[in-house]
């Protein structure tokens, strides 16, 4: 099945007017979708879609080509292209350079450089006898600063400035202001007084959590390898895009010690990102790959797309997470950001058929198939023995955002997407007749419709299973389903002395 190459030419898009001429199976699935639309008349039919891949590799469904908000399903596109670019086992490297009492940190665009990773860094310094620095500097790869759309700067208030418009963004404070984070966390003498921060993504505000000492103790109990007590102090911290100890590429001042800290493997990062819908990780991956233009160019190369309008019609990309951008203008109104008026929400959009291409890629990667790079490359036919892509996203009923959803476990892998105006479910079904990619996209203008959307999605999954011979359980042992237990780093560190 030469799906990816030929799909741009042979994808059979079935409109609602032709559904009566389809096979009994397709008509039955479509009849069920229409029943749901009648059951929930407040959901505008023109803003609802579902799709799946039939026996011939063609797309069937309703509104399969219409651009719609896909919310966090965008994360699967981001993570799949990160894996294609770097490889499943790639580990991001953050390096700490130490020389003559000074420290320079290069982040390496590490998407999991969070508090736990920082504690790992501080442990490495203490274990090497380093408890004080005169000067600490860091480069742009630390907490890779997001630049959504064409924003020019990032402020403490969690929105970017672009002329008179503002974009409210979701990130933990540690991902948005490395200067303040480092000043706060490198001074261990104040850990009993200072508190961690928690971002409220809906209101763009932060609230205080536990003290840093309490947070570290929680992480130490979880991870086990951290020292009981950490000690560090400094005299100054500043941003420096250049490594002050590197005289030329790969050449360092005598006496420089380099401590290399690695993230866990990319496939594990992708799985955690998709299972628990981690916005900050997805966007850091996205910008680390070069942002919107780089990702679209990679897609164009892989799909052999030369038409400038292709992505306008199939995939309108704004961010790696799918999180909606809230556009503001300066005003005297008293909104939830005083002095600014919400104009509109911008969101990443895709057609249902484009989403299916992502899930097909995911299944191909899980089974070791390469992306087709030239005409004539044949993807092996699907079999019931194909490995499900459970290393990439949540398994139904037992993991992540799918916990408690669906009747049976080990029969599907899927990604959810939820915003105030969109709800999406898509992934791969394990059926008695093989693996089936599917997606159900619901857009609406009232958050109260989320429940109705999930009812439709669950019902369509049940109908598709029935239409393809029923469920086929695949062997799988569930991963740790506690989001807080995620360990983002490789415990092994490398040290090199120059």
Protein backbone atom coordinates (compact mmCIF):
# COMPACT_ATOMS: atom_id res chain seq x y z
CA UNK A 1 0.00 0.00 0.00
CA UNK A 2 1.81 3.09 -1.23
CA UNK A 3 -0.25 5.26 1.08
CA UNK A 4 1.81 8.36 1.69
CA UNK A 5 2.99 8.94 -1.88
CA UNK A 6 -0.23 8.10 -3.64
CA UNK A 7 -2.52 9.64 -1.02
CA UNK A 8 -1.99 13.11 -2.43
CA UNK A 9 -3.33 11.83 -5.75
CA UNK A 10 -5.66 8.95 -5.04
CA UNK A 11 -7.26 9.79 -1.69
CA UNK A 12 -10.94 9.20 -2.26
CA UNK A 13 -12.73 11.92 -0.35
CA UNK A 14 -16.36 11.04 0.06
CA UNK A 15 -18.79 13.91 0.54
CA UNK A 16 -22.03 13.53 2.44
CA UNK A 17 -23.92 13.43 -0.88
CA UNK A 18 -22.14 10.27 -2.06
CA UNK A 19 -22.35 8.26 1.13
CA UNK A 20 -25.43 6.33 -0.01
CA UNK A 21 -23.39 4.73 -2.79
CA UNK A 22 -20.74 3.34 -0.45
CA UNK A 23 -20.43 -0.21 0.77
CA UNK A 24 -22.71 -1.37 3.56
CA UNK A 25 -19.88 -1.10 6.08
CA UNK A 26 -19.10 2.52 5.27
CA UNK A 27 -22.76 3.49 5.11
CA UNK A 28 -23.38 1.88 8.49
CA UNK A 29 -20.58 3.87 10.11
CA UNK A 30 -21.80 7.06 8.46
CA UNK A 31 -25.40 6.39 9.54
CA UNK A 32 -24.19 6.17 13.13
CA UNK A 33 -22.41 9.52 12.82
CA UNK A 34 -25.56 11.13 11.42
CA UNK A 35 -27.57 9.73 14.33
CA UNK A 36 -25.18 11.39 16.74
CA UNK A 37 -25.54 14.70 14.92
CA UNK A 38 -29.31 14.47 15.30
CA UNK A 39 -28.91 13.50 18.95
CA UNK A 40 -26.90 16.66 19.61
CA UNK A 41 -28.43 19.29 17.31
CA UNK A 42 -26.57 22.13 19.06
CA UNK A 43 -23.39 20.83 17.44
CA UNK A 44 -23.25 22.37 13.98
CA UNK A 45 -22.81 19.50 11.50
CA UNK A 46 -20.49 21.61 9.37
CA UNK A 47 -18.02 21.72 12.24
CA UNK A 48 -17.97 17.98 12.93
CA UNK A 49 -15.87 15.35 11.17
CA UNK A 50 -14.81 11.75 11.36
CA UNK A 51 -12.62 9.61 9.13
CA UNK A 52 -10.87 6.27 8.83
CA UNK A 53 -8.77 4.37 6.29
CA UNK A 54 -10.59 1.62 4.40
CA UNK A 55 -9.31 -1.69 3.03
CA UNK A 56 -7.86 0.00 -0.07
CA UNK A 57 -5.94 2.69 1.80
CA UNK A 58 -8.46 5.40 0.97
CA UNK A 59 -10.01 7.88 3.38
CA UNK A 60 -13.70 7.52 4.16
CA UNK A 61 -15.84 9.66 6.44
CA UNK A 62 -17.61 12.98 6.80
CA UNK A 63 -16.01 16.42 6.26
CA UNK A 64 -12.71 14.62 5.71
CA UNK A 65 -11.05 17.54 3.91
CA UNK A 66 -12.35 20.43 5.97
CA UNK A 67 -9.86 22.37 8.10
CA UNK A 68 -10.84 22.11 11.76
CA UNK A 69 -9.26 22.79 15.13
CA UNK A 70 -7.50 19.63 16.32
CA UNK A 71 -6.27 20.88 19.72
CA UNK A 72 -3.64 18.63 21.33
CA UNK A 73 -3.71 16.04 18.55
CA UNK A 74 -1.16 18.44 17.04
CA UNK A 75 1.33 17.00 19.54
CA UNK A 76 1.39 13.72 17.64
CA UNK A 77 2.48 15.56 14.50
CA UNK A 78 5.22 17.37 16.44
CA UNK A 79 6.55 14.26 18.17
CA UNK A 80 6.44 12.11 15.05
CA UNK A 81 8.51 14.60 13.11
CA UNK A 82 10.94 14.96 16.00
CA UNK A 83 11.45 11.19 15.93
CA UNK A 84 11.85 11.22 12.16
CA UNK A 85 14.41 14.04 12.43
CA UNK A 86 16.47 12.81 15.39
CA UNK A 87 15.68 9.10 15.76
CA UNK A 88 13.81 7.19 18.49
CA UNK A 89 16.79 6.80 20.80
CA UNK A 90 18.11 10.35 20.51
CA UNK A 91 19.02 12.01 23.81
CA UNK A 92 19.21 15.78 24.19
CA UNK A 93 22.42 16.95 25.82
CA UNK A 94 22.69 19.84 28.27
CA UNK A 95 26.26 20.70 29.18
CA UNK A 96 27.76 22.47 32.19
CA UNK A 97 31.18 24.07 31.62
CA UNK A 98 33.20 24.90 34.73
CA UNK A 99 36.38 26.99 34.72
CA UNK A 100 38.12 29.07 37.38
CA UNK A 101 35.05 29.38 39.58
CA UNK A 102 32.68 30.28 36.74
CA UNK A 103 29.94 28.21 35.07
CA UNK A 104 28.34 28.27 31.61
CA UNK A 105 25.29 26.14 30.77
CA UNK A 106 24.24 25.14 27.25
CA UNK A 107 20.72 23.76 27.22
CA UNK A 108 20.78 21.94 23.89
CA UNK A 109 17.09 22.76 23.35
CA UNK A 110 16.32 20.06 25.87
CA UNK A 111 12.48 19.84 26.00
CA UNK A 112 12.50 18.23 29.47
CA UNK A 113 14.75 20.74 31.26
CA UNK A 114 12.34 21.11 34.15
CA UNK A 115 12.85 21.30 37.91
CA UNK A 116 13.72 17.63 38.11
CA UNK A 117 16.36 18.03 35.45
CA UNK A 118 17.73 21.09 37.27
CA UNK A 119 17.98 19.12 40.52
CA UNK A 120 19.90 16.49 38.54
CA UNK A 121 22.27 19.23 37.33
CA UNK A 122 22.78 20.59 40.84
CA UNK A 123 23.45 17.08 42.17
CA UNK A 124 26.11 16.60 39.50
CA UNK A 125 27.81 19.84 40.51
CA UNK A 126 27.77 18.96 44.22
CA UNK A 127 29.07 15.44 43.62
CA UNK A 128 32.01 17.05 41.79
CA UNK A 129 32.71 19.30 44.74
CA UNK A 130 31.22 22.44 43.18
CA UNK A 131 29.04 24.44 45.56
CA UNK A 132 29.70 28.03 44.51
CA UNK A 133 30.15 30.03 41.29
CA UNK A 134 31.25 33.60 40.78
CA UNK A 135 29.49 33.94 37.45
CA UNK A 136 26.82 31.68 35.95
CA UNK A 137 25.83 32.16 32.32
CA UNK A 138 23.45 30.26 30.05
CA UNK A 139 22.65 30.17 26.34
CA UNK A 140 19.40 30.29 24.35
CA UNK A 141 19.06 26.49 24.42
CA UNK A 142 18.14 26.55 28.11
CA UNK A 143 14.34 26.51 28.54
CA UNK A 144 14.18 27.22 24.81
CA UNK A 145 12.28 30.48 24.82
CA UNK A 146 9.07 30.10 22.78
CA UNK A 147 8.50 32.57 19.98
CA UNK A 148 4.97 31.82 18.82
CA UNK A 149 4.02 33.40 15.49
CA UNK A 150 6.26 36.48 15.04
CA UNK A 151 6.42 37.75 18.59
CA UNK A 152 9.37 39.90 19.55
CA UNK A 153 9.70 39.47 23.30
CA UNK A 154 8.42 37.54 26.28
CA UNK A 155 7.29 39.17 29.52
CA UNK A 156 6.73 38.08 33.09
CA UNK A 157 2.99 38.37 32.58
CA UNK A 158 3.06 35.29 30.36
CA UNK A 159 2.18 37.00 27.12
CA UNK A 160 4.27 38.09 24.15
CA UNK A 161 4.38 41.54 22.62
CA UNK A 162 3.86 41.97 18.92
CA UNK A 163 2.96 45.59 18.29
CA UNK A 164 -0.26 46.07 20.22
CA UNK A 165 -1.28 42.44 20.23
CA UNK A 166 -0.61 39.87 22.91
CA UNK A 167 -0.53 36.09 22.93
CA UNK A 168 -1.36 34.37 26.16
CA UNK A 169 0.71 31.19 26.33
CA UNK A 170 0.83 28.07 28.49
CA UNK A 171 4.21 27.23 30.02
CA UNK A 172 5.54 26.55 33.47
CA UNK A 173 7.42 29.63 34.71
CA UNK A 174 10.66 27.64 34.52
CA UNK A 175 10.14 27.40 30.77
CA UNK A 176 9.54 31.10 30.23
CA UNK A 177 12.06 33.01 32.32
CA UNK A 178 15.38 31.18 32.82
CA UNK A 179 17.00 34.23 34.43
CA UNK A 180 14.50 34.38 37.29
CA UNK A 181 14.39 30.60 37.58
CA UNK A 182 18.15 30.30 37.94
CA UNK A 183 18.34 33.19 40.42
CA UNK A 184 15.68 31.48 42.51
CA UNK A 185 16.83 27.86 42.35
CA UNK A 186 20.65 28.24 42.38
CA UNK A 187 20.43 29.90 45.82
CA UNK A 188 19.78 26.88 48.02
CA UNK A 189 19.98 28.98 51.20
CA UNK A 190 16.50 30.37 50.43
CA UNK A 191 14.81 27.10 49.49
CA UNK A 192 12.93 26.98 52.78
CA UNK A 193 11.40 30.39 52.05
CA UNK A 194 10.81 30.35 48.30
CA UNK A 195 7.97 28.40 46.77
CA UNK A 196 7.46 26.62 43.47
CA UNK A 197 4.99 28.05 40.95
CA UNK A 198 2.06 26.49 39.14
CA UNK A 199 0.66 27.96 35.96
CA UNK A 200 -3.08 28.27 35.41
CA UNK A 201 -3.14 27.96 31.61
CA UNK A 202 -6.69 29.21 31.27
CA UNK A 203 -6.12 32.51 33.03
CA UNK A 204 -2.39 33.06 32.35
CA UNK A 205 -1.59 33.48 36.03
CA UNK A 206 0.58 31.59 38.49
CA UNK A 207 -0.12 30.32 41.97
CA UNK A 208 2.30 29.28 44.69
CA UNK A 209 2.99 25.63 45.33
CA UNK A 210 5.15 23.97 47.99
CA UNK A 211 8.52 25.32 49.13
CA UNK A 212 11.47 24.39 46.94
CA UNK A 213 12.86 22.32 49.82
CA UNK A 214 9.62 20.31 49.98
CA UNK A 215 9.55 19.94 46.20
CA UNK A 216 13.14 18.68 46.15
CA UNK A 217 12.38 16.20 48.92
CA UNK A 218 9.44 14.85 46.92
CA UNK A 219 11.63 14.45 43.85
CA UNK A 220 14.43 12.87 45.90
CA UNK A 221 12.06 10.27 47.32
CA UNK A 222 10.86 9.51 43.81
CA UNK A 223 14.20 9.36 42.05
CA UNK A 224 16.33 7.88 44.83
CA UNK A 225 19.76 8.90 43.50
CA UNK A 226 19.66 12.52 44.66
CA UNK A 227 21.71 13.65 47.65
CA UNK A 228 19.83 14.41 50.85
CA UNK A 229 21.07 17.99 51.00
CA UNK A 230 22.20 20.29 48.23
CA UNK A 231 24.31 23.39 48.64
CA UNK A 232 24.94 26.13 46.12
CA UNK A 233 25.46 29.88 45.93
CA UNK A 234 26.50 32.38 43.28
CA UNK A 235 27.43 35.99 42.76
CA UNK A 236 25.85 36.76 39.37
CA UNK A 237 23.77 35.13 36.65
CA UNK A 238 23.33 36.36 33.07
CA UNK A 239 22.45 35.26 29.55
CA UNK A 240 25.41 34.73 27.20
CA UNK A 241 24.90 33.28 23.71
CA UNK A 242 28.62 32.49 23.49
CA UNK A 243 30.46 29.93 25.58
CA UNK A 244 33.12 32.04 27.37
CA UNK A 245 35.41 29.03 27.75
CA UNK A 246 35.35 27.94 24.09
CA UNK A 247 38.13 29.66 22.12
CA UNK A 248 37.16 27.99 18.82
CA UNK A 249 34.74 25.18 17.92
CA UNK A 250 35.60 22.22 20.14
CA UNK A 251 38.61 23.97 21.70
CA UNK A 252 38.37 25.08 25.34
CA UNK A 253 40.47 27.01 27.81
CA UNK A 254 42.86 24.81 29.80
CA UNK A 255 41.29 23.60 33.03
CA UNK A 256 37.73 23.57 31.68
CA UNK A 257 35.60 20.73 33.03
CA UNK A 258 32.58 19.67 30.94
CA UNK A 259 29.70 17.83 32.62
CA UNK A 260 27.27 16.35 30.09
CA UNK A 261 23.72 15.63 31.23
CA UNK A 262 21.43 13.68 28.90
CA UNK A 263 17.68 13.48 28.66
CA UNK A 264 15.90 10.16 28.43
CA UNK A 265 15.37 8.78 24.92
CA UNK A 266 13.16 10.79 22.58
CA UNK A 267 10.61 7.99 22.17
CA UNK A 268 9.99 8.12 25.95
CA UNK A 269 9.66 11.90 25.81
CA UNK A 270 7.18 11.58 22.93
CA UNK A 271 5.16 8.97 24.81
CA UNK A 272 4.95 11.08 27.96
CA UNK A 273 4.08 14.19 25.92
CA UNK A 274 1.23 12.46 24.11
CA UNK A 275 -0.06 10.39 27.04
CA UNK A 276 -0.36 13.37 29.37
CA UNK A 277 -0.66 16.12 26.74
CA UNK A 278 2.37 18.16 27.80
CA UNK A 279 2.22 21.54 26.07
CA UNK A 280 5.62 22.88 27.10
CA UNK A 281 7.52 19.80 25.92
CA UNK A 282 5.72 19.75 22.57
CA UNK A 283 6.40 23.42 21.87
CA UNK A 284 10.05 23.16 22.91
CA UNK A 285 10.47 20.24 20.49
CA UNK A 286 8.68 22.25 17.83
CA UNK A 287 10.88 25.34 18.13
CA UNK A 288 13.99 23.22 18.55
CA UNK A 289 13.30 21.76 15.10
CA UNK A 290 13.14 25.28 13.66
CA UNK A 291 9.49 26.14 14.25
CA UNK A 292 6.65 26.40 11.77
CA UNK A 293 8.58 26.86 8.53
CA UNK A 294 11.06 24.07 9.25
CA UNK A 295 8.34 21.57 10.16
CA UNK A 296 6.24 22.45 7.11
CA UNK A 297 9.28 22.15 4.85
CA UNK A 298 10.04 18.72 6.25
CA UNK A 299 6.44 17.69 5.62
CA UNK A 300 6.57 19.06 2.08
CA UNK A 301 9.77 17.12 1.35
CA UNK A 302 8.44 13.88 2.74
CA UNK A 303 5.07 14.11 1.01
CA UNK A 304 6.57 15.40 -2.26
CA UNK A 305 4.39 18.50 -2.05
CA UNK A 306 5.16 21.31 -4.47
CA UNK A 307 1.82 23.10 -4.26
CA UNK A 308 2.05 26.21 -2.08
CA UNK A 309 -1.63 25.93 -1.22
CA UNK A 310 -1.43 22.34 0.05
CA UNK A 311 -0.86 23.24 3.69
CA UNK A 312 -3.32 26.11 3.54
CA UNK A 313 -5.95 23.52 2.67
CA UNK A 314 -4.78 20.65 4.87
CA UNK A 315 -2.73 21.85 7.81
CA UNK A 316 -2.52 25.34 9.32
CA UNK A 317 0.24 25.13 11.87
CA UNK A 318 0.67 27.61 14.74
CA UNK A 319 2.45 25.73 17.53
CA UNK A 320 3.74 22.30 18.39
CA UNK A 321 1.25 21.70 21.18
CA UNK A 322 -1.98 22.74 19.46
CA UNK A 323 -2.67 25.07 22.37
CA UNK A 324 -4.86 27.97 21.31
CA UNK A 325 -3.26 31.38 21.03
CA UNK A 326 -5.32 34.15 22.52
CA UNK A 327 -4.96 37.41 20.62
CA UNK A 328 -5.31 40.66 22.55
CA UNK A 329 -5.17 44.37 21.92
CA UNK A 330 -4.46 47.23 24.32
CA UNK A 331 -7.64 48.63 25.84
CA UNK A 332 -9.00 50.02 29.08
CA UNK A 333 -11.31 47.08 29.62
CA UNK A 334 -11.08 44.91 32.73
CA UNK A 335 -10.41 41.52 31.23
CA UNK A 336 -8.59 38.64 32.91
CA UNK A 337 -5.43 40.46 31.81
CA UNK A 338 -6.32 43.99 32.95
CA UNK A 339 -5.89 46.57 30.24
CA UNK A 340 -6.16 44.12 27.35
CA UNK A 341 -9.15 42.95 25.35
CA UNK A 342 -9.45 39.46 23.92
CA UNK A 343 -9.96 39.69 20.15
CA UNK A 344 -9.88 36.09 19.03
CA UNK A 345 -8.43 32.65 19.68
CA UNK A 346 -6.15 31.23 17.05
CA UNK A 347 -5.69 27.50 16.80
CA UNK A 348 -3.82 24.89 14.80
CA UNK A 349 -6.12 23.34 12.21
CA UNK A 350 -5.92 20.24 10.07
CA UNK A 351 -8.14 18.17 7.85
CA UNK A 352 -9.25 14.79 9.12
CA UNK A 353 -7.39 13.04 6.30
CA UNK A 354 -4.16 14.85 7.22
CA UNK A 355 -4.51 13.63 10.82
CA UNK A 356 -4.81 10.07 9.51
CA UNK A 357 -1.50 10.45 7.70
CA UNK A 358 0.14 11.18 11.04
CA UNK A 359 -1.32 8.06 12.62
CA UNK A 360 -0.27 6.00 9.61
CA UNK A 361 3.25 7.31 10.07
CA UNK A 362 3.10 6.41 13.75
CA UNK A 363 2.09 2.84 12.94
CA UNK A 364 4.81 2.62 10.28
CA UNK A 365 7.50 3.79 12.70
CA UNK A 366 6.33 1.36 15.37
CA UNK A 367 6.78 -1.48 12.87
CA UNK A 368 10.13 -0.31 11.54
CA UNK A 369 8.91 0.94 8.17
CA UNK A 370 10.72 3.95 6.74
CA UNK A 371 9.09 7.03 5.35
CA UNK A 372 8.77 6.72 1.56
CA UNK A 373 11.34 9.01 -0.02
CA UNK A 374 10.68 8.26 -3.67
CA UNK A 375 7.99 7.01 -6.03
CA UNK A 376 7.56 3.28 -5.99
CA UNK A 377 8.34 2.75 -2.31
CA UNK A 378 5.81 0.23 -1.05
CA UNK A 379 4.67 0.13 2.56
CA UNK A 380 3.90 -3.49 3.53
CA UNK A 381 0.25 -4.38 3.78
CA UNK A 382 -1.28 -4.13 7.22
CA UNK A 383 -1.65 -7.38 9.13
CA UNK A 384 -3.29 -8.25 12.41
CA UNK A 385 0.23 -8.97 13.72
CA UNK A 386 1.51 -5.43 13.25
CA UNK A 387 2.79 -3.90 16.46
CA UNK A 388 0.49 -1.20 17.80
CA UNK A 389 2.14 2.22 18.38
CA UNK A 390 1.79 2.05 22.16
CA UNK A 391 5.28 3.50 22.62
CA UNK A 392 4.01 6.73 21.04
CA UNK A 393 0.72 7.46 22.78
CA UNK A 394 -1.76 6.31 25.38
CA UNK A 395 -3.44 2.90 25.39
CA UNK A 396 -7.20 3.09 25.77
CA UNK A 397 -8.75 2.83 29.25
CA UNK A 398 -5.50 2.43 31.20
CA UNK A 399 -3.16 5.34 30.39
CA UNK A 400 -2.86 9.10 30.45
CA UNK A 401 -5.80 11.13 29.18
CA UNK A 402 -7.57 7.88 28.21
CA UNK A 403 -7.64 6.52 31.77
CA UNK A 404 -11.09 5.13 32.48
CA UNK A 405 -12.29 5.73 28.93
CA UNK A 406 -13.67 2.84 26.81
CA UNK A 407 -14.77 -0.58 28.03
CA UNK A 408 -11.68 -2.65 27.26
CA UNK A 409 -7.94 -2.05 27.44
CA UNK A 410 -5.28 -3.10 24.93
CA UNK A 411 -7.47 -2.60 21.86
CA UNK A 412 -6.58 0.93 20.76
CA UNK A 413 -3.96 3.65 21.04
CA UNK A 414 -5.14 7.23 20.75
CA UNK A 415 -4.50 10.91 21.43
CA UNK A 416 -7.08 13.25 22.86
CA UNK A 417 -7.33 16.96 22.21
CA UNK A 418 -9.43 19.36 24.25
CA UNK A 419 -9.79 23.14 24.16
CA UNK A 420 -12.66 25.47 24.96
CA UNK A 421 -13.90 25.17 21.37
CA UNK A 422 -12.58 21.81 20.17
CA UNK A 423 -12.49 18.16 21.18
CA UNK A 424 -10.66 15.51 19.16
CA UNK A 425 -9.89 11.82 19.42
CA UNK A 426 -7.75 9.91 16.97
CA UNK A 427 -5.36 7.00 16.72
CA UNK A 428 -5.23 3.34 15.74
CA UNK A 429 -7.79 0.59 16.38
CA UNK A 430 -6.73 -3.03 16.73
CA UNK A 431 -9.55 -4.89 14.96
CA UNK A 432 -10.10 -8.47 13.85
CA UNK A 433 -9.40 -7.36 10.27
CA UNK A 434 -6.22 -5.40 10.99
CA UNK A 435 -5.09 -2.01 12.21
CA UNK A 436 -7.32 0.98 11.41
CA UNK A 437 -6.42 4.65 11.69
CA UNK A 438 -9.34 6.85 12.72
CA UNK A 439 -10.16 10.36 13.93
CA UNK A 440 -13.23 12.16 15.23
CA UNK A 441 -13.08 15.97 15.36
CA UNK A 442 -15.68 18.13 17.08
CA UNK A 443 -15.54 21.93 16.95
CA UNK A 444 -18.05 24.04 18.86
CA UNK A 445 -18.57 27.44 20.44
CA UNK A 446 -19.66 26.43 23.92
CA UNK A 447 -17.45 24.48 26.32
CA UNK A 448 -20.58 22.72 27.61
CA UNK A 449 -20.47 20.60 24.44
CA UNK A 450 -17.32 18.74 25.54
CA UNK A 451 -19.36 15.93 27.06
CA UNK A 452 -21.47 15.55 23.91
CA UNK A 453 -18.30 15.45 21.83
CA UNK A 454 -16.78 12.68 23.92
CA UNK A 455 -20.02 10.70 23.70
CA UNK A 456 -19.85 10.93 19.91
CA UNK A 457 -16.17 9.94 19.86
CA UNK A 458 -16.69 6.92 22.11
CA UNK A 459 -19.75 5.85 20.14
CA UNK A 460 -17.94 6.11 16.80
CA UNK A 461 -15.07 4.00 18.13
CA UNK A 462 -17.56 1.31 19.17
CA UNK A 463 -19.25 1.40 15.77
CA UNK A 464 -15.95 1.17 13.89
CA UNK A 465 -14.89 -1.83 15.94
CA UNK A 466 -18.21 -3.52 15.18
CA UNK A 467 -17.87 -2.75 11.47
CA UNK A 468 -14.37 -4.26 11.28
CA UNK A 469 -15.08 -7.56 12.96
CA UNK A 470 -14.64 -6.53 16.57
CA UNK A 471 -11.75 -5.80 18.89
CA UNK A 472 -8.45 -7.69 18.83
CA UNK A 473 -6.50 -7.42 22.07
CA UNK A 474 -2.79 -6.77 21.66
CA UNK A 475 -0.14 -7.78 24.22
CA UNK A 476 0.93 -4.85 26.34
CA UNK A 477 1.99 -4.13 29.90
CA UNK A 478 0.88 -0.70 31.04
CA UNK A 479 3.50 1.93 31.83
CA UNK A 480 3.54 3.84 35.10
CA UNK A 481 0.44 6.01 34.83
CA UNK A 482 1.51 8.58 37.43
CA UNK A 483 2.46 11.76 35.61
CA UNK A 484 4.43 13.01 38.61
CA UNK A 485 6.71 9.96 38.54
CA UNK A 486 8.17 10.89 35.15
CA UNK A 487 11.98 11.04 35.30
CA UNK A 488 13.28 13.16 32.40
CA UNK A 489 16.99 12.43 32.57
CA UNK A 490 19.49 9.63 32.05
CA UNK A 491 21.17 9.10 35.47
CA UNK A 492 24.54 8.54 33.83
CA UNK A 493 26.63 11.69 33.42
CA UNK A 494 29.78 12.23 31.40
CA UNK A 495 32.72 14.31 32.62
CA UNK A 496 35.60 15.53 30.48
CA UNK A 497 38.56 17.58 31.66
CA UNK A 498 40.46 19.86 29.27
